[in-house]
C-alpha atoms as a PDB file:
ATOM      1  CA  MET A   1     -13.347 -31.162  57.396  1.00  0.00           C
ATOM      2  CA  ARG A   2     -12.800 -28.164  55.098  1.00  0.00           C
ATOM      3  CA  ALA A   3     -14.101 -28.553  51.367  1.00  0.00           C
ATOM      4  CA  SER A   4     -11.140 -28.590  48.981  1.00  0.00           C
ATOM      5  CA  THR A   5     -10.899 -25.659  46.498  1.00  0.00           C
ATOM      6  CA  TYR A   6      -9.903 -26.064  43.053  1.00  0.00           C
ATOM      7  CA  ILE A   7      -8.902 -22.996  41.004  1.00  0.00           C
ATOM      8  CA  PHE A   8      -8.676 -22.954  37.025  1.00  0.00           C
ATOM      9  CA  LEU A   9      -5.793 -21.024  35.457  1.00  0.00           C
ATOM     10  CA  PRO A  10      -6.708 -20.480  32.093  1.00  0.00           C
ATOM     11  CA  PRO A  11      -4.143 -21.037  29.103  1.00  0.00           C
ATOM     12  CA  LEU A  12      -3.286 -17.309  28.290  1.00  0.00           C
ATOM     13  CA  PRO A  13      -0.452 -16.614  25.922  1.00  0.00           C
ATOM     14  CA  ARG A  14       1.037 -14.080  28.332  1.00  0.00           C
ATOM     15  CA  GLN A  15       0.873 -13.558  32.247  1.00  0.00           C
ATOM     16  CA  SER A  16      -1.628 -10.926  33.141  1.00  0.00           C
ATOM     17  CA  GLY A  17      -2.868  -9.003  36.047  1.00  0.00           C
ATOM     18  CA  GLY A  18      -5.833 -11.364  36.052  1.00  0.00           C
ATOM     19  CA  LEU A  19      -3.934 -14.648  36.691  1.00  0.00           C
ATOM     20  CA  ALA A  20      -1.306 -13.011  39.156  1.00  0.00           C
ATOM     21  CA  VAL A  21      -4.590 -12.188  40.980  1.00  0.00           C
ATOM     22  CA  LEU A  22      -5.833 -15.815  40.924  1.00  0.00           C
ATOM     23  CA  ARG A  23      -2.446 -17.377  41.917  1.00  0.00           C
ATOM     24  CA  ARG A  24      -2.263 -14.838  44.888  1.00  0.00           C
ATOM     25  CA  MET A  25      -5.668 -15.822  45.847  1.00  0.00           C
ATOM     26  CA  GLY A  26      -4.416 -19.796  45.982  1.00  0.00           C
ATOM     27  CA  MET A  27      -1.298 -18.742  47.921  1.00  0.00           C
ATOM     28  CA  SER A  28      -3.329 -16.993  50.814  1.00  0.00           C
ATOM     29  CA  LEU A  29      -5.636 -19.902  51.101  1.00  0.00           C
ATOM     30  CA  ARG A  30      -2.554 -22.277  51.115  1.00  0.00           C
ATOM     31  CA  ASN A  31      -0.962 -20.137  53.697  1.00  0.00           C
ATOM     32  CA  ALA A  32      -4.080 -20.135  55.810  1.00  0.00           C
ATOM     33  CA  GLY A  33      -4.189 -24.082  55.584  1.00  0.00           C
ATOM     34  CA  PHE A  34      -7.008 -24.399  53.094  1.00  0.00           C
ATOM     35  CA  PRO A  35      -6.951 -27.360  50.673  1.00  0.00           C
ATOM     36  CA  VAL A  36      -6.432 -25.773  47.641  1.00  0.00           C
ATOM     37  CA  CYS A  37      -5.102 -26.672  44.385  1.00  0.00           C
ATOM     38  CA  PHE A  38      -4.310 -25.032  40.793  1.00  0.00           C
ATOM     39  CA  VAL A  39      -6.097 -26.666  37.820  1.00  0.00           C
ATOM     40  CA  LEU A  40      -4.020 -26.138  34.259  1.00  0.00           C
ATOM     41  CA  ARG A  41      -4.887 -26.790  30.931  1.00  0.00           C
ATOM     42  CA  GLU A  42      -1.164 -26.633  29.985  1.00  0.00           C
ATOM     43  CA  ALA A  43       2.114 -26.757  32.139  1.00  0.00           C
ATOM     44  CA  SER A  44       2.917 -23.239  33.744  1.00  0.00           C
ATOM     45  CA  GLU A  45       6.065 -22.632  35.695  1.00  0.00           C
ATOM     46  CA  SER A  46       4.619 -19.549  37.077  1.00  0.00           C
ATOM     47  CA  ALA A  47       1.807 -21.345  38.756  1.00  0.00           C
ATOM     48  CA  GLN A  48       4.293 -23.979  40.221  1.00  0.00           C
ATOM     49  CA  GLU A  49       6.568 -21.249  41.850  1.00  0.00           C
ATOM     50  CA  THR A  50       3.585 -20.330  44.141  1.00  0.00           C
ATOM     51  CA  GLY A  51       3.819 -23.641  46.087  1.00  0.00           C
ATOM     52  CA  VAL A  52       0.322 -24.386  45.473  1.00  0.00           C
ATOM     53  CA  ASP A  53      -0.412 -27.986  44.532  1.00  0.00           C
ATOM     54  CA  ILE A  54      -0.718 -28.450  40.636  1.00  0.00           C
ATOM     55  CA  LEU A  55      -3.237 -30.520  38.886  1.00  0.00           C
ATOM     56  CA  HIS A  56      -3.751 -31.179  35.336  1.00  0.00           C
ATOM     57  CA  TRP A  57      -7.052 -30.882  33.342  1.00  0.00           C
ATOM     58  CA  GLN A  58      -7.045 -34.544  32.523  1.00  0.00           C
ATOM     59  CA  ASP A  59      -6.694 -35.590  36.130  1.00  0.00           C
ATOM     60  CA  LEU A  60      -9.428 -33.516  37.659  1.00  0.00           C
ATOM     61  CA  ARG A  61     -12.046 -35.344  39.643  1.00  0.00           C
ATOM     62  CA  LEU A  62     -14.330 -32.757  41.372  1.00  0.00           C
ATOM     63  CA  GLN A  63     -16.738 -34.196  44.193  1.00  0.00           C
ATOM     64  CA  ALA A  64     -19.956 -32.787  45.434  1.00  0.00           C
ATOM     65  CA  GLY A  65     -19.095 -29.849  47.985  1.00  0.00           C
ATOM     66  CA  ASP A  66     -15.667 -29.045  46.671  1.00  0.00           C
ATOM     67  CA  ILE A  67     -15.312 -25.460  45.552  1.00  0.00           C
ATOM     68  CA  TRP A  68     -14.545 -24.802  41.706  1.00  0.00           C
ATOM     69  CA  LEU A  69     -13.537 -21.337  41.216  1.00  0.00           C
ATOM     70  CA  THR A  70     -12.989 -20.223  37.616  1.00  0.00           C
ATOM     71  CA  PRO A  71     -12.416 -16.532  36.026  1.00  0.00           C
ATOM     72  CA  GLU A  72     -15.221 -14.883  33.774  1.00  0.00           C
ATOM     73  CA  GLY A  73     -14.855 -15.705  29.967  1.00  0.00           C
ATOM     74  CA  TRP A  74     -14.382 -19.451  30.190  1.00  0.00           C
ATOM     75  CA  PRO A  75     -17.884 -21.079  30.437  1.00  0.00           C
ATOM     76  CA  ASN A  76     -16.638 -24.552  28.978  1.00  0.00           C
ATOM     77  CA  ALA A  77     -14.395 -24.578  32.245  1.00  0.00           C
ATOM     78  CA  LEU A  78     -17.769 -24.695  34.273  1.00  0.00           C
ATOM     79  CA  LEU A  79     -18.770 -28.188  33.362  1.00  0.00           C
ATOM     80  CA  PRO A  80     -16.624 -30.307  35.364  1.00  0.00           C
ATOM     81  CA  GLY A  81     -18.054 -28.343  38.698  1.00  0.00           C
ATOM     82  CA  LEU A  82     -21.737 -28.395  37.484  1.00  0.00           C
ATOM     83  CA  SER A  83     -21.518 -32.065  36.404  1.00  0.00           C
ATOM     84  CA  ALA A  84     -19.922 -33.084  39.974  1.00  0.00           C
ATOM     85  CA  GLY A  85     -22.489 -30.922  41.897  1.00  0.00           C
ATOM     86  CA  ALA A  86     -19.510 -28.905  43.108  1.00  0.00           C
ATOM     87  CA  ARG A  87     -20.097 -25.487  44.445  1.00  0.00           C
ATOM     88  CA  CYS A  88     -19.059 -23.415  41.217  1.00  0.00           C
ATOM     89  CA  PHE A  89     -17.960 -19.670  41.662  1.00  0.00           C
ATOM     90  CA  ILE A  90     -17.083 -17.432  38.960  1.00  0.00           C
ATOM     91  CA  TYR A  91     -14.605 -14.635  39.871  1.00  0.00           C
ATOM     92  CA  VAL A  92     -15.508 -11.761  37.425  1.00  0.00           C
ATOM     93  CA  GLN A  93     -12.378  -9.930  36.905  1.00  0.00           C
ATOM     94  CA  ASN A  94     -13.399  -7.734  34.001  1.00  0.00           C
ATOM     95  CA  TRP A  95     -17.050  -6.876  33.346  1.00  0.00           C
ATOM     96  CA  ALA A  96     -16.682  -6.723  29.710  1.00  0.00           C
ATOM     97  CA  TYR A  97     -16.181 -10.450  29.346  1.00  0.00           C
ATOM     98  CA  LEU A  98     -18.829 -11.754  31.769  1.00  0.00           C
ATOM     99  CA  LEU A  99     -21.526 -11.996  28.860  1.00  0.00           C
ATOM    100  CA  SER A 100     -19.644 -11.753  25.711  1.00  0.00           C
ATOM    101  CA  CYS A 101     -18.209 -15.186  25.858  1.00  0.00           C
ATOM    102  CA  GLN A 102     -21.416 -16.710  27.126  1.00  0.00           C
ATOM    103  CA  PRO A 103     -22.781 -19.444  24.415  1.00  0.00           C
ATOM    104  CA  GLN A 104     -26.172 -18.432  23.164  1.00  0.00           C
ATOM    105  CA  HIS A 105     -27.800 -21.505  24.604  1.00  0.00           C
ATOM    106  CA  MET A 106     -26.535 -20.871  28.094  1.00  0.00           C
ATOM    107  CA  ASN A 107     -28.252 -18.754  30.698  1.00  0.00           C
ATOM    108  CA  MET A 108     -25.812 -18.221  33.498  1.00  0.00           C
ATOM    109  CA  GLU A 109     -28.544 -16.617  35.651  1.00  0.00           C
ATOM    110  CA  ASN A 110     -30.223 -20.154  35.643  1.00  0.00           C
ATOM    111  CA  LEU A 111     -27.482 -22.285  36.553  1.00  0.00           C
ATOM    112  CA  PRO A 112     -26.316 -22.936  40.440  1.00  0.00           C
ATOM    113  CA  LEU A 113     -23.247 -20.376  40.376  1.00  0.00           C
ATOM    114  CA  THR A 114     -21.979 -18.074  42.894  1.00  0.00           C
ATOM    115  CA  PHE A 115     -20.411 -14.946  41.427  1.00  0.00           C
ATOM    116  CA  LEU A 116     -17.576 -12.822  43.140  1.00  0.00           C
ATOM    117  CA  ALA A 117     -16.457  -9.683  41.858  1.00  0.00           C
ATOM    118  CA  VAL A 118     -13.093  -7.915  41.757  1.00  0.00           C
ATOM    119  CA  SER A 119     -14.406  -4.395  42.406  1.00  0.00           C
ATOM    120  CA  ASP A 120     -17.538  -2.743  43.434  1.00  0.00           C
ATOM    121  CA  PRO A 121     -18.453  -1.443  39.700  1.00  0.00           C
ATOM    122  CA  VAL A 122     -17.987  -5.046  38.604  1.00  0.00           C
ATOM    123  CA  ALA A 123     -20.352  -6.231  41.324  1.00  0.00           C
ATOM    124  CA  ARG A 124     -22.899  -3.928  40.082  1.00  0.00           C
ATOM    125  CA  PHE A 125     -22.296  -4.928  36.519  1.00  0.00           C
ATOM    126  CA  VAL A 126     -23.179  -8.415  37.648  1.00  0.00           C
ATOM    127  CA  GLU A 127     -26.571  -7.302  39.174  1.00  0.00           C
ATOM    128  CA  MET A 128     -27.321  -5.391  36.365  1.00  0.00           C
ATOM    129  CA  SER A 129     -26.976  -7.764  33.911  1.00  0.00           C
ATOM    130  CA  LEU A 130     -27.883 -11.012  35.568  1.00  0.00           C
ATOM    131  CA  GLY A 131     -29.664  -9.995  38.673  1.00  0.00           C
ATOM    132  CA  LYS A 132     -27.340 -11.910  40.863  1.00  0.00           C
ATOM    133  CA  GLN A 133     -25.599 -10.647  43.970  1.00  0.00           C
ATOM    134  CA  ALA A 134     -21.434 -10.690  43.792  1.00  0.00           C
ATOM    135  CA  PRO A 135     -19.237 -10.163  46.879  1.00  0.00           C
ATOM    136  CA  VAL A 136     -16.223  -8.246  46.193  1.00  0.00           C
ATOM    137  CA  LEU A 137     -12.589  -9.747  46.411  1.00  0.00           C
ATOM    138  CA  ARG A 138     -10.404  -6.617  45.689  1.00  0.00           C
ATOM    139  CA  PRO A 139      -6.927  -7.553  44.342  1.00  0.00           C
ATOM    140  CA  GLY A 140      -3.607  -6.109  45.944  1.00  0.00           C
ATOM    141  CA  ILE A 141      -0.405  -4.511  44.776  1.00  0.00           C
ATOM    142  CA  ASP A 142       3.211  -5.297  46.209  1.00  0.00           C
ATOM    143  CA  THR A 143       3.557  -1.871  48.289  1.00  0.00           C
ATOM    144  CA  THR A 144       6.901  -2.777  49.088  1.00  0.00           C
ATOM    145  CA  LEU A 145       7.829  -2.710  45.519  1.00  0.00           C
ATOM    146  CA  PHE A 146       5.531   0.066  44.659  1.00  0.00           C
ATOM    147  CA  CYS A 147       6.277   2.788  46.604  1.00  0.00           C
ATOM    148  CA  PRO A 148       7.462   6.409  46.770  1.00  0.00           C
ATOM    149  CA  SER A 149      11.216   6.793  45.891  1.00  0.00           C
ATOM    150  CA  PRO A 150      13.472   8.085  48.789  1.00  0.00           C
ATOM    151  CA  GLU A 151      14.637  10.733  46.399  1.00  0.00           C
ATOM    152  CA  PRO A 152      12.406  13.660  45.642  1.00  0.00           C
ATOM    153  CA  LYS A 153      11.117  13.682  42.075  1.00  0.00           C
ATOM    154  CA  ASP A 154      12.444  16.352  39.596  1.00  0.00           C
ATOM    155  CA  GLY A 155      10.632  19.390  40.163  1.00  0.00           C
ATOM    156  CA  LYS A 156      11.613  20.935  36.944  1.00  0.00           C
ATOM    157  CA  ILE A 157      10.016  18.835  34.605  1.00  0.00           C
ATOM    158  CA  VAL A 158       6.580  16.908  34.475  1.00  0.00           C
ATOM    159  CA  ARG A 159       7.219  13.143  33.192  1.00  0.00           C
ATOM    160  CA  VAL A 160       4.198  11.485  31.829  1.00  0.00           C
ATOM    161  CA  ALA A 161       4.105   7.761  32.264  1.00  0.00           C
ATOM    162  CA  TYR A 162       1.848   5.661  30.173  1.00  0.00           C
ATOM    163  CA  MET A 163       1.625   1.793  29.087  1.00  0.00           C
ATOM    164  CA  PRO A 164       1.075   1.749  25.288  1.00  0.00           C
ATOM    165  CA  ARG A 165      -0.233  -1.588  25.342  1.00  0.00           C
ATOM    166  CA  LYS A 166      -3.676  -0.262  26.665  1.00  0.00           C
ATOM    167  CA  ASN A 167      -5.380   1.100  23.824  1.00  0.00           C
ATOM    168  CA  LYS A 168      -2.149   2.384  22.115  1.00  0.00           C
ATOM    169  CA  ALA A 169      -4.155   4.420  19.293  1.00  0.00           C
ATOM    170  CA  LEU A 170      -5.980   6.435  22.058  1.00  0.00           C
ATOM    171  CA  ALA A 171      -2.755   6.921  23.934  1.00  0.00           C
ATOM    172  CA  ARG A 172      -1.105   8.328  20.829  1.00  0.00           C
ATOM    173  CA  GLN A 173      -3.912  10.650  20.050  1.00  0.00           C
ATOM    174  CA  ILE A 174      -4.022  12.138  23.667  1.00  0.00           C
ATOM    175  CA  ARG A 175       0.070  12.586  23.311  1.00  0.00           C
ATOM    176  CA  GLU A 176      -0.726  14.112  19.883  1.00  0.00           C
ATOM    177  CA  LEU A 177      -3.341  16.582  20.947  1.00  0.00           C
ATOM    178  CA  ALA A 178      -1.545  17.441  24.265  1.00  0.00           C
ATOM    179  CA  GLU A 179       1.427  18.580  22.572  1.00  0.00           C
ATOM    180  CA  ALA A 180      -0.338  20.631  19.859  1.00  0.00           C
ATOM    181  CA  ARG A 181      -2.240  22.389  22.507  1.00  0.00           C
ATOM    182  CA  LEU A 182       1.063  22.921  24.744  1.00  0.00           C
ATOM    183  CA  ARG A 183       2.798  24.393  21.512  1.00  0.00           C
ATOM    184  CA  ARG A 184       0.198  27.196  21.469  1.00  0.00           C
ATOM    185  CA  ARG A 185       0.414  28.004  25.262  1.00  0.00           C
ATOM    186  CA  THR A 186       3.124  28.982  27.635  1.00  0.00           C
ATOM    187  CA  HIS A 187       3.445  26.482  30.613  1.00  0.00           C
ATOM    188  CA  PRO A 188       6.271  26.759  33.352  1.00  0.00           C
ATOM    189  CA  LEU A 189       7.105  23.179  33.290  1.00  0.00           C
ATOM    190  CA  PRO A 190       8.126  21.171  30.085  1.00  0.00           C
ATOM    191  CA  LEU A 191       6.705  17.695  29.546  1.00  0.00           C
ATOM    192  CA  GLU A 192       8.279  14.304  28.933  1.00  0.00           C
ATOM    193  CA  TRP A 193       6.755  11.209  28.082  1.00  0.00           C
ATOM    194  CA  LEU A 194       7.883   8.041  29.575  1.00  0.00           C
ATOM    195  CA  SER A 195       6.407   4.628  27.636  1.00  0.00           C
ATOM    196  CA  ILE A 196       6.507   1.635  29.882  1.00  0.00           C
ATOM    197  CA  GLU A 197       6.242  -1.570  27.947  1.00  0.00           C
ATOM    198  CA  ASP A 198       8.122  -5.171  28.075  1.00  0.00           C
ATOM    199  CA  ARG A 199       9.438  -4.353  31.639  1.00  0.00           C
ATOM    200  CA  SER A 200       9.760  -6.600  34.684  1.00  0.00           C
ATOM    201  CA  GLN A 201       7.634  -5.446  37.923  1.00  0.00           C
ATOM    202  CA  ALA A 202      10.837  -4.338  39.324  1.00  0.00           C
ATOM    203  CA  GLU A 203      11.563  -1.996  36.296  1.00  0.00           C
ATOM    204  CA  VAL A 204       7.961  -0.603  36.145  1.00  0.00           C
ATOM    205  CA  ALA A 205       8.347   0.276  39.754  1.00  0.00           C
ATOM    206  CA  ARG A 206      11.392   2.063  39.384  1.00  0.00           C
ATOM    207  CA  LEU A 207      10.322   4.061  36.270  1.00  0.00           C
ATOM    208  CA  LEU A 208       7.042   5.005  37.988  1.00  0.00           C
ATOM    209  CA  GLN A 209       8.903   6.423  40.690  1.00  0.00           C
ATOM    210  CA  THR A 210      10.619   8.875  38.664  1.00  0.00           C
ATOM    211  CA  ALA A 211       7.311   9.694  36.833  1.00  0.00           C
ATOM    212  CA  HIS A 212       4.840  12.590  38.095  1.00  0.00           C
ATOM    213  CA  ILE A 213       1.699  11.879  36.036  1.00  0.00           C
ATOM    214  CA  PHE A 214       0.224   8.570  35.149  1.00  0.00           C
ATOM    215  CA  LEU A 215      -1.819   8.172  31.625  1.00  0.00           C
ATOM    216  CA  CYS A 216      -4.610   6.000  32.380  1.00  0.00           C
ATOM    217  CA  THR A 217      -5.615   4.721  28.786  1.00  0.00           C
ATOM    218  CA  GLY A 218      -6.899   1.171  29.742  1.00  0.00           C
ATOM    219  CA  PHE A 219     -10.531   0.346  29.230  1.00  0.00           C
ATOM    220  CA  PRO A 220     -12.519  -1.690  29.970  1.00  0.00           C
ATOM    221  CA  GLU A 221     -11.280  -2.523  33.219  1.00  0.00           C
ATOM    222  CA  GLY A 222     -12.167  -4.718  36.258  1.00  0.00           C
ATOM    223  CA  CYS A 223     -10.143  -3.057  38.869  1.00  0.00           C
ATOM    224  CA  PRO A 224      -7.001  -1.783  37.093  1.00  0.00           C
ATOM    225  CA  LEU A 225      -3.803  -2.422  38.682  1.00  0.00           C
ATOM    226  CA  PRO A 226      -1.358  -0.018  36.706  1.00  0.00           C
ATOM    227  CA  PRO A 227      -2.998   3.133  38.074  1.00  0.00           C
ATOM    228  CA  LEU A 228      -2.896   1.701  41.830  1.00  0.00           C
ATOM    229  CA  GLU A 229       0.723   0.870  41.282  1.00  0.00           C
ATOM    230  CA  ALA A 230       1.450   4.438  40.013  1.00  0.00           C
ATOM    231  CA  LEU A 231      -0.459   5.971  42.995  1.00  0.00           C
ATOM    232  CA  ALA A 232       1.605   3.847  45.336  1.00  0.00           C
ATOM    233  CA  CYS A 233       4.770   5.278  43.495  1.00  0.00           C
ATOM    234  CA  GLY A 234       3.542   8.899  44.159  1.00  0.00           C
ATOM    235  CA  CYS A 235       2.138   9.528  40.500  1.00  0.00           C
ATOM    236  CA  VAL A 236      -1.000  11.179  39.747  1.00  0.00           C
ATOM    237  CA  PRO A 237      -3.321   9.359  37.829  1.00  0.00           C
ATOM    238  CA  VAL A 238      -5.097  11.035  34.859  1.00  0.00           C
ATOM    239  CA  GLY A 239      -7.286   9.520  32.005  1.00  0.00           C
ATOM    240  CA  PHE A 240      -9.704   6.748  31.621  1.00  0.00           C
ATOM    241  CA  PRO A 241     -11.262   4.921  34.580  1.00  0.00           C
ATOM    242  CA  GLY A 242     -12.445   1.901  32.380  1.00  0.00           C
ATOM    243  CA  LEU A 243     -15.760   1.626  34.769  1.00  0.00           C
ATOM    244  CA  GLY A 244     -13.947  -0.709  37.202  1.00  0.00           C
ATOM    245  CA  GLY A 245     -11.481   2.042  38.200  1.00  0.00           C
ATOM    246  CA  TRP A 246     -14.303   3.922  39.999  1.00  0.00           C
ATOM    247  CA  ASP A 247     -13.672   1.336  42.792  1.00  0.00           C
ATOM    248  CA  TYR A 248     -10.972   3.662  44.160  1.00  0.00           C
ATOM    249  CA  MET A 249     -10.623   6.485  41.573  1.00  0.00           C
ATOM    250  CA  ARG A 250     -12.092   9.823  42.984  1.00  0.00           C
ATOM    251  CA  GLN A 251     -11.884  13.111  41.153  1.00  0.00           C
ATOM    252  CA  ALA A 252      -9.633  15.621  42.656  1.00  0.00           C
ATOM    253  CA  THR A 253     -10.813  18.585  41.045  1.00  0.00           C
ATOM    254  CA  ASN A 254     -13.442  19.938  38.598  1.00  0.00           C
ATOM    255  CA  PHE A 255     -12.369  20.316  34.784  1.00  0.00           C
ATOM    256  CA  PRO A 256     -14.142  20.284  31.563  1.00  0.00           C
ATOM    257  CA  GLY A 257     -14.765  16.927  30.496  1.00  0.00           C
ATOM    258  CA  ALA A 258     -14.787  15.508  33.942  1.00  0.00           C
ATOM    259  CA  ALA A 259     -16.422  11.956  34.144  1.00  0.00           C
ATOM    260  CA  SER A 260     -19.244  11.226  36.432  1.00  0.00           C
ATOM    261  CA  PRO A 261     -19.475   7.316  37.305  1.00  0.00           C
ATOM    262  CA  LEU A 262     -23.160   5.522  36.557  1.00  0.00           C
ATOM    263  CA  TRP A 263     -23.529   4.158  39.998  1.00  0.00           C
ATOM    264  CA  PRO A 264     -23.296   5.882  43.397  1.00  0.00           C
ATOM    265  CA  LEU A 265     -19.606   5.388  44.722  1.00  0.00           C
ATOM    266  CA  ARG A 266     -18.796   3.613  47.814  1.00  0.00           C
ATOM    267  CA  GLN A 267     -17.692   5.335  50.747  1.00  0.00           C
ATOM    268  CA  ILE A 268     -13.753   5.450  51.212  1.00  0.00           C
ATOM    269  CA  SER A 269     -11.428   7.156  53.422  1.00  0.00           C
ATOM    270  CA  TRP A 270      -9.222   9.014  51.071  1.00  0.00           C
ATOM    271  CA  ALA A 271      -9.993  12.169  49.081  1.00  0.00           C
ATOM    272  CA  GLY A 272      -9.542  13.007  45.295  1.00  0.00           C
ATOM    273  CA  ASN A 273      -6.588  11.050  43.929  1.00  0.00           C
ATOM    274  CA  GLY A 274      -6.468  11.850  40.108  1.00  0.00           C
ATOM    275  CA  LEU A 275      -8.485  13.501  37.483  1.00  0.00           C
ATOM    276  CA  TYR A 276     -10.573  11.335  35.266  1.00  0.00           C
ATOM    277  CA  ALA A 277     -12.496  11.594  32.001  1.00  0.00           C
ATOM    278  CA  ALA A 278     -14.841   9.362  30.184  1.00  0.00           C
ATOM    279  CA  ASP A 279     -13.519   6.004  28.411  1.00  0.00           C
ATOM    280  CA  ALA A 280     -12.113   6.770  25.065  1.00  0.00           C
ATOM    281  CA  ASP A 281     -12.624  10.378  25.411  1.00  0.00           C
ATOM    282  CA  VAL A 282      -9.564  11.961  23.970  1.00  0.00           C
ATOM    283  CA  PRO A 283     -10.138  15.548  24.531  1.00  0.00           C
ATOM    284  CA  GLY A 284     -11.448  14.982  27.910  1.00  0.00           C
ATOM    285  CA  ALA A 285      -8.009  13.327  28.860  1.00  0.00           C
ATOM    286  CA  VAL A 286      -6.011  15.982  27.465  1.00  0.00           C
ATOM    287  CA  LEU A 287      -8.141  18.423  29.569  1.00  0.00           C
ATOM    288  CA  ALA A 288      -7.737  16.242  32.635  1.00  0.00           C
ATOM    289  CA  LEU A 289      -3.906  16.377  31.962  1.00  0.00           C
ATOM    290  CA  GLU A 290      -3.706  19.775  31.610  1.00  0.00           C
ATOM    291  CA  ALA A 291      -5.314  20.471  34.782  1.00  0.00           C
ATOM    292  CA  ALA A 292      -2.786  18.043  36.473  1.00  0.00           C
ATOM    293  CA  LEU A 293      -0.039  20.030  34.866  1.00  0.00           C
ATOM    294  CA  ASP A 294      -1.434  23.092  36.493  1.00  0.00           C
ATOM    295  CA  ILE A 295      -1.638  21.521  39.929  1.00  0.00           C
ATOM    296  CA  PHE A 296       1.969  20.611  39.687  1.00  0.00           C
ATOM    297  CA  ALA A 297       2.970  24.022  38.435  1.00  0.00           C
ATOM    298  CA  ARG A 298       1.222  25.495  41.477  1.00  0.00           C
ATOM    299  CA  GLY A 299       2.405  22.804  43.861  1.00  0.00           C
ATOM    300  CA  GLY A 300       1.746  23.566  47.600  1.00  0.00           C
ATOM    301  CA  GLU A 301      -0.858  22.077  49.550  1.00  0.00           C
ATOM    302  CA  GLU A 302      -3.018  20.958  46.947  1.00  0.00           C
ATOM    303  CA  LEU A 303      -0.376  18.899  45.099  1.00  0.00           C
ATOM    304  CA  ALA A 304       0.665  17.547  48.730  1.00  0.00           C
ATOM    305  CA  ALA A 305      -3.112  16.550  49.529  1.00  0.00           C
ATOM    306  CA  LEU A 306      -3.418  14.835  46.319  1.00  0.00           C
ATOM    307  CA  ARG A 307      -0.338  12.702  46.748  1.00  0.00           C
ATOM    308  CA  CYS A 308      -1.488  11.826  50.275  1.00  0.00           C
ATOM    309  CA  ALA A 309      -4.892  10.564  49.001  1.00  0.00           C
ATOM    310  CA  GLY A 310      -2.821   8.725  46.507  1.00  0.00           C
ATOM    311  CA  GLN A 311      -0.750   6.812  49.356  1.00  0.00           C
ATOM    312  CA  MET A 312      -4.054   6.207  51.354  1.00  0.00           C
ATOM    313  CA  THR A 313      -5.596   4.453  48.166  1.00  0.00           C
ATOM    314  CA  ALA A 314      -2.852   2.126  47.679  1.00  0.00           C
ATOM    315  CA  ALA A 315      -2.348   1.422  51.278  1.00  0.00           C
ATOM    316  CA  ALA A 316      -5.850  -0.087  50.987  1.00  0.00           C
ATOM    317  CA  TYR A 317      -5.353  -2.359  48.167  1.00  0.00           C
ATOM    318  CA  SER A 318      -1.915  -4.028  49.737  1.00  0.00           C
ATOM    319  CA  LEU A 319      -1.579  -7.479  49.169  1.00  0.00           C
ATOM    320  CA  ALA A 320      -2.139  -7.999  53.087  1.00  0.00           C
ATOM    321  CA  ALA A 321      -5.436  -6.536  52.467  1.00  0.00           C
ATOM    322  CA  GLN A 322      -6.217  -8.873  49.814  1.00  0.00           C
ATOM    323  CA  GLU A 323      -5.202 -11.873  51.769  1.00  0.00           C
ATOM    324  CA  GLN A 324      -7.167 -11.106  54.689  1.00  0.00           C
ATOM    325  CA  ALA A 325     -10.296 -10.595  52.513  1.00  0.00           C
ATOM    326  CA  VAL A 326      -9.805 -13.969  50.821  1.00  0.00           C
ATOM    327  CA  ILE A 327      -9.305 -15.785  54.002  1.00  0.00           C
ATOM    328  CA  ALA A 328     -12.384 -14.306  55.696  1.00  0.00           C
ATOM    329  CA  PHE A 329     -14.672 -15.146  52.579  1.00  0.00           C
ATOM    330  CA  TRP A 330     -13.386 -18.740  52.759  1.00  0.00           C
ATOM    331  CA  SER A 331     -13.704 -19.031  56.230  1.00  0.00           C
ATOM    332  CA  LYS A 332     -17.383 -18.133  55.923  1.00  0.00           C
ATOM    333  CA  LEU A 333     -17.934 -20.914  53.039  1.00  0.00           C
ATOM    334  CA  ALA A 334     -16.333 -23.479  55.601  1.00  0.00           C
END
């Protein structure tokens, strides 16, 4: 008999990418016939829409052998699982919150916990901080929604898409510096900025399909999804990897200010797919943007290879790939 899996969905003020990943995991397990249930502190219509059974916190009755899965950053949520002798898993979706929310009297490395990581860099951080091995379960993106437009992008202008909610002040500084430098140099292609905020997933996809470059301003990140969605839509990402972005981000070319990852990168099948500066390095991000602009101005095989690498990257992070990985891991647990 398969053990029951209970997934804690934390009460967040807005729907996040991390919550979407947890919901997708639950749906994958349900579709594969695993007993699974979402546990909520508060009512959530978005959780109910998945078709996965819902259980409210006050009704939770874990048993020894059950699987209790919580995201990082919610240490109090571990108590029901630890008290019941359940198999407790922490799914670390952002390395930055693994230790920051840990109570002073609590040492997670001494508790019967199993860690899962959303990316290879996060797994390395878990090992670095807690000395624990963390199997990697990568997220997925909807590659039927986020895909290149059937219409070719306008080749007479370069549109740079960005999301202001990701370190808004730094995004503004990058734009100001880039525009100041462009005023002093002649560039064959004019620049247009495309701010993406307060949009539905479908609207974001349509806007990304019209953009040429995606400015990555998010950090810290576990496995950032917006740059992946941009890659799927045919954009070239430039900017910050957030540490977790090194799971799939690879430098397409060398440029002044190009960042180097702390750990050796895993082997992948695609070549360079963007231009990346160190996190919070505004001048470096601007130089990355300028290098990308030059690639667009030259066009040809260099740009085609960059876009091909982007499509290969996105394909490796499909929802189907995510589902297969989740089912394979839970099958081993059983």
